[in-house]
Amino acid sequence: MSDDLNETERPNPRKVREGLVVSDIQHKTAVVQVTDRVRHRKYSKTVQRSKKLHVHDETNEMQVGDRVRIQETRPISKLKRWRLVEILERAK
């Protein structure tokens, strides 16, 4: 494969999620809680499922309460598999 492939030319595009920053204590790392709404298979009721993801933040610009967009990436450490794309909304 060539090195000049951009995100749209990948055969399997990387996952993109939006979430809320719940922890920014670690250096260059933040914990983001992502909430997904899924339909229950048996009861057909909408259920919210949340997951905490460790996100790489090179410039330490994320703060607790920010809404952010993150993208899947190669493993950076034991738990980090996501990186910051953009900050959608700052904490108030």
N, C-alpha and C. Protein backbone atom coordinates (compact mmCIF):
# COMPACT_ATOMS: atom_id res chain seq x y z
N MET A 1 0.83 -1.19 0.00
CA MET A 1 0.00 0.00 0.00
C MET A 1 0.87 1.24 0.00
N SER A 2 0.37 2.29 -0.60
CA SER A 2 1.12 3.53 -0.62
C SER A 2 0.85 4.34 0.64
N ASP A 3 1.81 5.18 1.03
CA ASP A 3 1.70 5.97 2.25
C ASP A 3 0.80 7.19 2.09
N ASP A 4 0.43 7.56 0.87
CA ASP A 4 -0.34 8.78 0.66
C ASP A 4 -1.85 8.53 0.64
N LEU A 5 -2.29 7.38 1.17
CA LEU A 5 -3.73 7.12 1.25
C LEU A 5 -4.35 7.99 2.33
N ASN A 6 -5.45 8.63 2.02
CA ASN A 6 -6.15 9.38 3.07
C ASN A 6 -7.29 8.54 3.61
N GLU A 7 -8.04 9.07 4.57
CA GLU A 7 -9.04 8.30 5.30
C GLU A 7 -10.15 7.76 4.39
N THR A 8 -10.48 8.46 3.33
CA THR A 8 -11.60 8.03 2.48
C THR A 8 -11.23 6.87 1.58
N GLU A 9 -9.96 6.64 1.33
CA GLU A 9 -9.53 5.58 0.44
C GLU A 9 -9.23 4.27 1.14
N ARG A 10 -9.39 4.25 2.45
CA ARG A 10 -9.16 3.01 3.19
C ARG A 10 -10.25 2.00 2.86
N PRO A 11 -9.89 0.72 2.73
CA PRO A 11 -10.93 -0.28 2.44
C PRO A 11 -11.92 -0.43 3.59
N ASN A 12 -11.45 -0.24 4.82
CA ASN A 12 -12.31 -0.32 5.99
C ASN A 12 -12.12 0.97 6.79
N PRO A 13 -13.01 1.95 6.64
CA PRO A 13 -12.79 3.25 7.28
C PRO A 13 -12.74 3.14 8.81
N ARG A 14 -11.98 4.02 9.42
CA ARG A 14 -11.82 4.01 10.87
C ARG A 14 -13.08 4.52 11.55
N LYS A 15 -13.38 3.96 12.72
CA LYS A 15 -14.57 4.34 13.46
C LYS A 15 -14.40 5.76 14.02
N VAL A 16 -15.48 6.52 14.02
CA VAL A 16 -15.50 7.86 14.59
C VAL A 16 -16.63 7.90 15.61
N ARG A 17 -16.34 8.41 16.81
CA ARG A 17 -17.34 8.49 17.88
C ARG A 17 -17.34 9.89 18.48
N GLU A 18 -18.45 10.25 19.11
CA GLU A 18 -18.55 11.51 19.87
C GLU A 18 -18.82 11.15 21.31
N GLY A 19 -18.19 11.90 22.23
CA GLY A 19 -18.38 11.59 23.63
C GLY A 19 -18.04 12.75 24.53
N LEU A 20 -18.11 12.50 25.82
CA LEU A 20 -17.89 13.49 26.85
C LEU A 20 -16.63 13.12 27.64
N VAL A 21 -15.74 14.09 27.84
CA VAL A 21 -14.51 13.84 28.58
C VAL A 21 -14.85 13.72 30.07
N VAL A 22 -14.48 12.59 30.69
CA VAL A 22 -14.78 12.38 32.11
C VAL A 22 -13.52 12.44 32.97
N SER A 23 -12.32 12.37 32.35
CA SER A 23 -11.08 12.46 33.13
C SER A 23 -9.96 12.97 32.22
N ASP A 24 -9.16 13.90 32.77
CA ASP A 24 -8.01 14.42 32.02
C ASP A 24 -6.76 14.48 32.90
N ILE A 25 -6.71 13.64 33.91
CA ILE A 25 -5.62 13.67 34.88
C ILE A 25 -4.30 13.19 34.26
N GLN A 26 -4.38 12.19 33.39
CA GLN A 26 -3.16 11.61 32.82
C GLN A 26 -2.53 12.54 31.79
N HIS A 27 -1.22 12.42 31.62
CA HIS A 27 -0.48 13.24 30.67
C HIS A 27 -0.71 12.72 29.25
N LYS A 28 -1.17 13.58 28.34
CA LYS A 28 -1.44 13.26 26.93
C LYS A 28 -2.51 12.18 26.75
N THR A 29 -3.34 11.98 27.76
CA THR A 29 -4.40 10.99 27.70
C THR A 29 -5.65 11.54 28.38
N ALA A 30 -6.80 11.25 27.81
CA ALA A 30 -8.07 11.59 28.43
C ALA A 30 -8.99 10.39 28.33
N VAL A 31 -9.93 10.30 29.25
CA VAL A 31 -10.92 9.24 29.22
C VAL A 31 -12.23 9.85 28.74
N VAL A 32 -12.79 9.28 27.68
CA VAL A 32 -14.01 9.80 27.06
C VAL A 32 -15.11 8.75 27.19
N GLN A 33 -16.28 9.19 27.68
CA GLN A 33 -17.42 8.30 27.78
C GLN A 33 -18.29 8.46 26.54
N VAL A 34 -18.49 7.35 25.83
CA VAL A 34 -19.28 7.34 24.60
C VAL A 34 -20.57 6.59 24.88
N THR A 35 -21.71 7.21 24.54
CA THR A 35 -23.01 6.59 24.77
C THR A 35 -23.65 6.24 23.44
N ASP A 36 -24.06 4.99 23.31
CA ASP A 36 -24.73 4.52 22.10
C ASP A 36 -26.15 4.10 22.45
N ARG A 37 -27.08 4.40 21.54
CA ARG A 37 -28.45 3.94 21.70
C ARG A 37 -28.64 2.73 20.80
N VAL A 38 -29.06 1.62 21.39
CA VAL A 38 -29.28 0.40 20.63
C VAL A 38 -30.68 -0.13 20.93
N ARG A 39 -31.21 -0.86 19.99
CA ARG A 39 -32.53 -1.45 20.14
C ARG A 39 -32.38 -2.83 20.78
N HIS A 40 -33.14 -3.07 21.86
CA HIS A 40 -33.09 -4.38 22.50
C HIS A 40 -33.68 -5.43 21.56
N ARG A 41 -32.97 -6.54 21.39
CA ARG A 41 -33.39 -7.52 20.39
C ARG A 41 -34.73 -8.16 20.73
N LYS A 42 -34.95 -8.46 22.00
CA LYS A 42 -36.17 -9.16 22.37
C LYS A 42 -37.33 -8.20 22.62
N TYR A 43 -37.06 -7.12 23.36
CA TYR A 43 -38.15 -6.24 23.80
C TYR A 43 -38.34 -5.01 22.93
N SER A 44 -37.46 -4.78 21.97
CA SER A 44 -37.54 -3.65 21.04
C SER A 44 -37.53 -2.29 21.72
N LYS A 45 -37.08 -2.24 22.96
CA LYS A 45 -36.96 -0.96 23.67
C LYS A 45 -35.58 -0.38 23.41
N THR A 46 -35.49 0.94 23.30
CA THR A 46 -34.20 1.59 23.10
C THR A 46 -33.44 1.62 24.42
N VAL A 47 -32.20 1.14 24.39
CA VAL A 47 -31.36 1.05 25.58
C VAL A 47 -30.10 1.87 25.35
N GLN A 48 -29.67 2.61 26.37
CA GLN A 48 -28.42 3.35 26.26
C GLN A 48 -27.28 2.52 26.83
N ARG A 49 -26.22 2.39 26.05
CA ARG A 49 -25.02 1.69 26.52
C ARG A 49 -23.86 2.65 26.45
N SER A 50 -23.09 2.71 27.53
CA SER A 50 -21.95 3.62 27.53
C SER A 50 -20.66 2.85 27.72
N LYS A 51 -19.58 3.43 27.19
CA LYS A 51 -18.27 2.80 27.27
C LYS A 51 -17.24 3.91 27.47
N LYS A 52 -16.23 3.65 28.29
CA LYS A 52 -15.16 4.61 28.51
C LYS A 52 -13.96 4.22 27.66
N LEU A 53 -13.50 5.17 26.85
CA LEU A 53 -12.39 4.93 25.94
C LEU A 53 -11.22 5.85 26.31
N HIS A 54 -10.00 5.32 26.24
CA HIS A 54 -8.81 6.12 26.48
C HIS A 54 -8.36 6.74 25.16
N VAL A 55 -8.18 8.06 25.18
CA VAL A 55 -7.93 8.82 23.96
C VAL A 55 -6.60 9.54 24.05
N HIS A 56 -5.82 9.50 22.96
CA HIS A 56 -4.55 10.21 22.90
C HIS A 56 -4.80 11.68 22.59
N ASP A 57 -4.22 12.55 23.42
CA ASP A 57 -4.38 14.00 23.27
C ASP A 57 -2.98 14.62 23.34
N GLU A 58 -2.35 14.79 22.19
CA GLU A 58 -0.95 15.21 22.12
C GLU A 58 -0.70 16.55 22.80
N THR A 59 -1.63 17.49 22.72
CA THR A 59 -1.40 18.84 23.25
C THR A 59 -2.05 19.09 24.60
N ASN A 60 -2.66 18.06 25.20
CA ASN A 60 -3.34 18.20 26.50
C ASN A 60 -4.38 19.32 26.50
N GLU A 61 -5.16 19.44 25.42
CA GLU A 61 -6.15 20.51 25.34
C GLU A 61 -7.54 20.10 25.80
N MET A 62 -7.79 18.81 25.99
CA MET A 62 -9.11 18.37 26.46
C MET A 62 -9.25 18.63 27.95
N GLN A 63 -10.46 19.04 28.35
CA GLN A 63 -10.78 19.28 29.75
C GLN A 63 -12.05 18.51 30.10
N VAL A 64 -12.22 18.23 31.38
CA VAL A 64 -13.40 17.50 31.83
C VAL A 64 -14.66 18.27 31.44
N GLY A 65 -15.61 17.59 30.83
CA GLY A 65 -16.87 18.21 30.42
C GLY A 65 -16.93 18.58 28.95
N ASP A 66 -15.81 18.53 28.23
CA ASP A 66 -15.81 18.86 26.80
C ASP A 66 -16.50 17.76 26.00
N ARG A 67 -17.23 18.16 24.95
CA ARG A 67 -17.74 17.20 23.96
C ARG A 67 -16.72 17.11 22.85
N VAL A 68 -16.30 15.89 22.53
CA VAL A 68 -15.21 15.71 21.56
C VAL A 68 -15.58 14.67 20.52
N ARG A 69 -14.89 14.73 19.38
CA ARG A 69 -14.99 13.71 18.34
C ARG A 69 -13.66 12.97 18.32
N ILE A 70 -13.72 11.64 18.39
CA ILE A 70 -12.51 10.83 18.43
C ILE A 70 -12.54 9.83 17.28
N GLN A 71 -11.35 9.32 16.93
CA GLN A 71 -11.23 8.40 15.82
C GLN A 71 -10.33 7.24 16.20
N GLU A 72 -10.69 6.07 15.72
CA GLU A 72 -9.91 4.86 15.97
C GLU A 72 -8.53 5.00 15.33
N THR A 73 -7.50 4.45 15.97
CA THR A 73 -6.15 4.51 15.43
C THR A 73 -5.39 3.25 15.87
N ARG A 74 -4.15 3.17 15.46
CA ARG A 74 -3.33 2.02 15.86
C ARG A 74 -3.11 2.05 17.37
N PRO A 75 -2.78 0.92 17.99
CA PRO A 75 -2.54 0.93 19.43
C PRO A 75 -1.37 1.84 19.81
N ILE A 76 -1.62 2.76 20.72
CA ILE A 76 -0.59 3.69 21.17
C ILE A 76 0.00 3.21 22.49
N SER A 77 -0.83 2.59 23.33
CA SER A 77 -0.35 2.01 24.58
C SER A 77 -1.27 0.83 24.91
N LYS A 78 -1.18 0.35 26.13
CA LYS A 78 -1.97 -0.82 26.53
C LYS A 78 -3.47 -0.57 26.35
N LEU A 79 -3.95 0.62 26.70
CA LEU A 79 -5.38 0.91 26.63
C LEU A 79 -5.77 1.90 25.54
N LYS A 80 -4.83 2.69 25.04
CA LYS A 80 -5.16 3.75 24.08
C LYS A 80 -5.22 3.23 22.65
N ARG A 81 -6.42 3.32 22.06
CA ARG A 81 -6.62 2.95 20.66
C ARG A 81 -7.39 4.03 19.90
N TRP A 82 -7.55 5.20 20.51
CA TRP A 82 -8.32 6.30 19.93
C TRP A 82 -7.50 7.58 19.98
N ARG A 83 -7.78 8.52 19.07
CA ARG A 83 -7.11 9.81 19.08
C ARG A 83 -8.13 10.91 18.89
N LEU A 84 -7.78 12.09 19.36
CA LEU A 84 -8.66 13.25 19.28
C LEU A 84 -8.71 13.78 17.85
N VAL A 85 -9.90 14.02 17.32
CA VAL A 85 -10.08 14.63 16.01
C VAL A 85 -10.37 16.11 16.19
N GLU A 86 -11.39 16.43 17.01
CA GLU A 86 -11.72 17.83 17.26
C GLU A 86 -12.53 17.95 18.55
N ILE A 87 -12.49 19.15 19.10
CA ILE A 87 -13.31 19.47 20.26
C ILE A 87 -14.57 20.16 19.75
N LEU A 88 -15.72 19.55 19.98
CA LEU A 88 -16.97 20.08 19.46
C LEU A 88 -17.53 21.21 20.32
N GLU A 89 -17.43 21.03 21.65
CA GLU A 89 -18.00 22.02 22.56
C GLU A 89 -17.18 22.03 23.85
N ARG A 90 -16.81 23.21 24.29
CA ARG A 90 -16.04 23.35 25.53
C ARG A 90 -16.94 23.22 26.75
N ALA A 91 -16.38 22.80 27.87
CA ALA A 91 -17.13 22.70 29.11
C ALA A 91 -17.49 24.10 29.61
N LYS A 92 -18.63 24.21 30.26
CA LYS A 92 -19.07 25.51 30.75
C LYS A 92 -18.77 25.68 32.21
